[in-house]
Amino acid sequence: MDIKIQVGLRIKELRKELGLTQEALAFKADMDKTYVNEVENGKRNVSLINLEKLILALNVNFEEFFKHLPNKNIN
């Protein structure tokens, strides 16, 4: 599975656990809702700076975020 898809699925998973909409997450991370949607759907190659904003908005750290990626078989 492509890393962009894995990261997007992890963001979506954490967002849903917090009961946030894409719009609410985008607001917390100071981003556009369309951008969050495209990241969650694996259509965007998210920068490290934006990934950090999303991870902080999801109340996790990098280790916790990457520890539980949906599929660790990266092609």
C-alpha atoms as a PDB file:
ATOM      1  CA  MET A   1       0.000   0.000   0.000  1.00  0.00           C
ATOM      2  CA  ASP A   2       1.273   3.447  -0.926  1.00  0.00           C
ATOM      3  CA  ILE A   3       2.629   5.521   1.989  1.00  0.00           C
ATOM      4  CA  LYS A   4       0.324   8.443   1.079  1.00  0.00           C
ATOM      5  CA  ILE A   5      -2.685   6.162   1.479  1.00  0.00           C
ATOM      6  CA  GLN A   6      -1.384   4.728   4.755  1.00  0.00           C
ATOM      7  CA  VAL A   7      -0.806   8.190   6.224  1.00  0.00           C
ATOM      8  CA  GLY A   8      -4.207   9.353   5.033  1.00  0.00           C
ATOM      9  CA  LEU A   9      -5.960   6.355   6.560  1.00  0.00           C
ATOM     10  CA  ARG A  10      -4.172   6.918   9.865  1.00  0.00           C
ATOM     11  CA  ILE A  11      -5.207  10.576   9.940  1.00  0.00           C
ATOM     12  CA  LYS A  12      -8.798   9.612   9.164  1.00  0.00           C
ATOM     13  CA  GLU A  13      -8.752   6.911  11.867  1.00  0.00           C
ATOM     14  CA  LEU A  14      -7.486   9.310  14.543  1.00  0.00           C
ATOM     15  CA  ARG A  15      -9.838  12.077  13.427  1.00  0.00           C
ATOM     16  CA  LYS A  16     -12.838   9.773  13.724  1.00  0.00           C
ATOM     17  CA  GLU A  17     -11.680   8.527  17.152  1.00  0.00           C
ATOM     18  CA  LEU A  18     -11.789  12.152  18.305  1.00  0.00           C
ATOM     19  CA  GLY A  19     -15.211  12.668  16.723  1.00  0.00           C
ATOM     20  CA  LEU A  20     -13.917  15.454  14.475  1.00  0.00           C
ATOM     21  CA  THR A  21     -15.122  16.339  11.016  1.00  0.00           C
ATOM     22  CA  GLN A  22     -12.580  17.099   8.321  1.00  0.00           C
ATOM     23  CA  GLU A  23     -13.576  20.728   8.679  1.00  0.00           C
ATOM     24  CA  ALA A  24     -12.951  20.703  12.443  1.00  0.00           C
ATOM     25  CA  LEU A  25      -9.555  19.041  12.000  1.00  0.00           C
ATOM     26  CA  ALA A  26      -8.632  21.511   9.278  1.00  0.00           C
ATOM     27  CA  PHE A  27      -9.548  24.383  11.593  1.00  0.00           C
ATOM     28  CA  LYS A  28      -7.468  22.942  14.480  1.00  0.00           C
ATOM     29  CA  ALA A  29      -4.492  22.420  12.139  1.00  0.00           C
ATOM     30  CA  ASP A  30      -4.934  25.803  10.418  1.00  0.00           C
ATOM     31  CA  MET A  31      -5.463  24.217   7.001  1.00  0.00           C
ATOM     32  CA  ASP A  32      -8.038  24.143   4.265  1.00  0.00           C
ATOM     33  CA  LYS A  33     -10.690  21.392   4.498  1.00  0.00           C
ATOM     34  CA  THR A  34     -10.038  20.407   0.883  1.00  0.00           C
ATOM     35  CA  TYR A  35      -6.372  19.817   1.702  1.00  0.00           C
ATOM     36  CA  VAL A  36      -7.272  17.562   4.654  1.00  0.00           C
ATOM     37  CA  ASN A  37      -9.676  15.624   2.434  1.00  0.00           C
ATOM     38  CA  GLU A  38      -7.010  15.096  -0.220  1.00  0.00           C
ATOM     39  CA  VAL A  39      -4.445  13.980   2.371  1.00  0.00           C
ATOM     40  CA  GLU A  40      -6.907  11.526   3.938  1.00  0.00           C
ATOM     41  CA  ASN A  41      -7.667  10.079   0.514  1.00  0.00           C
ATOM     42  CA  GLY A  42      -4.002   9.672  -0.438  1.00  0.00           C
ATOM     43  CA  LYS A  43      -4.192  12.277  -3.185  1.00  0.00           C
ATOM     44  CA  ARG A  44      -1.708  14.678  -1.580  1.00  0.00           C
ATOM     45  CA  ASN A  45       1.911  14.183  -0.681  1.00  0.00           C
ATOM     46  CA  VAL A  46       1.771  15.901   2.689  1.00  0.00           C
ATOM     47  CA  SER A  47       4.838  17.888   3.745  1.00  0.00           C
ATOM     48  CA  LEU A  48       6.486  17.234   7.095  1.00  0.00           C
ATOM     49  CA  ILE A  49       5.427  20.664   8.321  1.00  0.00           C
ATOM     50  CA  ASN A  50       1.781  19.995   7.481  1.00  0.00           C
ATOM     51  CA  LEU A  51       1.979  16.460   8.853  1.00  0.00           C
ATOM     52  CA  GLU A  52       3.256  17.892  12.124  1.00  0.00           C
ATOM     53  CA  LYS A  53       0.312  20.328  12.239  1.00  0.00           C
ATOM     54  CA  LEU A  54      -2.139  17.484  11.663  1.00  0.00           C
ATOM     55  CA  ILE A  55      -0.506  15.210  14.226  1.00  0.00           C
ATOM     56  CA  LEU A  56      -0.542  17.961  16.860  1.00  0.00           C
ATOM     57  CA  ALA A  57      -4.190  18.721  16.050  1.00  0.00           C
ATOM     58  CA  LEU A  58      -4.935  15.002  16.557  1.00  0.00           C
ATOM     59  CA  ASN A  59      -3.290  15.079  20.011  1.00  0.00           C
ATOM     60  CA  VAL A  60      -0.684  12.396  19.295  1.00  0.00           C
ATOM     61  CA  ASN A  61       3.063  12.441  18.764  1.00  0.00           C
ATOM     62  CA  PHE A  62       5.022  11.227  15.741  1.00  0.00           C
ATOM     63  CA  GLU A  63       5.929   7.926  17.399  1.00  0.00           C
ATOM     64  CA  GLU A  64       2.311   7.103  18.232  1.00  0.00           C
ATOM     65  CA  PHE A  65       1.158   8.194  14.787  1.00  0.00           C
ATOM     66  CA  PHE A  66       3.591   5.999  12.853  1.00  0.00           C
ATOM     67  CA  LYS A  67       3.488   3.094  15.271  1.00  0.00           C
ATOM     68  CA  HIS A  68      -0.039   2.247  14.184  1.00  0.00           C
ATOM     69  CA  LEU A  69      -0.062   2.795  10.429  1.00  0.00           C
ATOM     70  CA  PRO A  70      -2.792   0.609   8.851  1.00  0.00           C
ATOM     71  CA  ASN A  71      -0.390  -1.470   6.740  1.00  0.00           C
ATOM     72  CA  LYS A  72       3.357  -1.550   7.203  1.00  0.00           C
ATOM     73  CA  ASN A  73       4.071  -3.166   3.820  1.00  0.00           C
ATOM     74  CA  ILE A  74       5.232  -0.093   1.951  1.00  0.00           C
ATOM     75  CA  ASN A  75       5.792  -0.580  -1.767  1.00  0.00           C
END
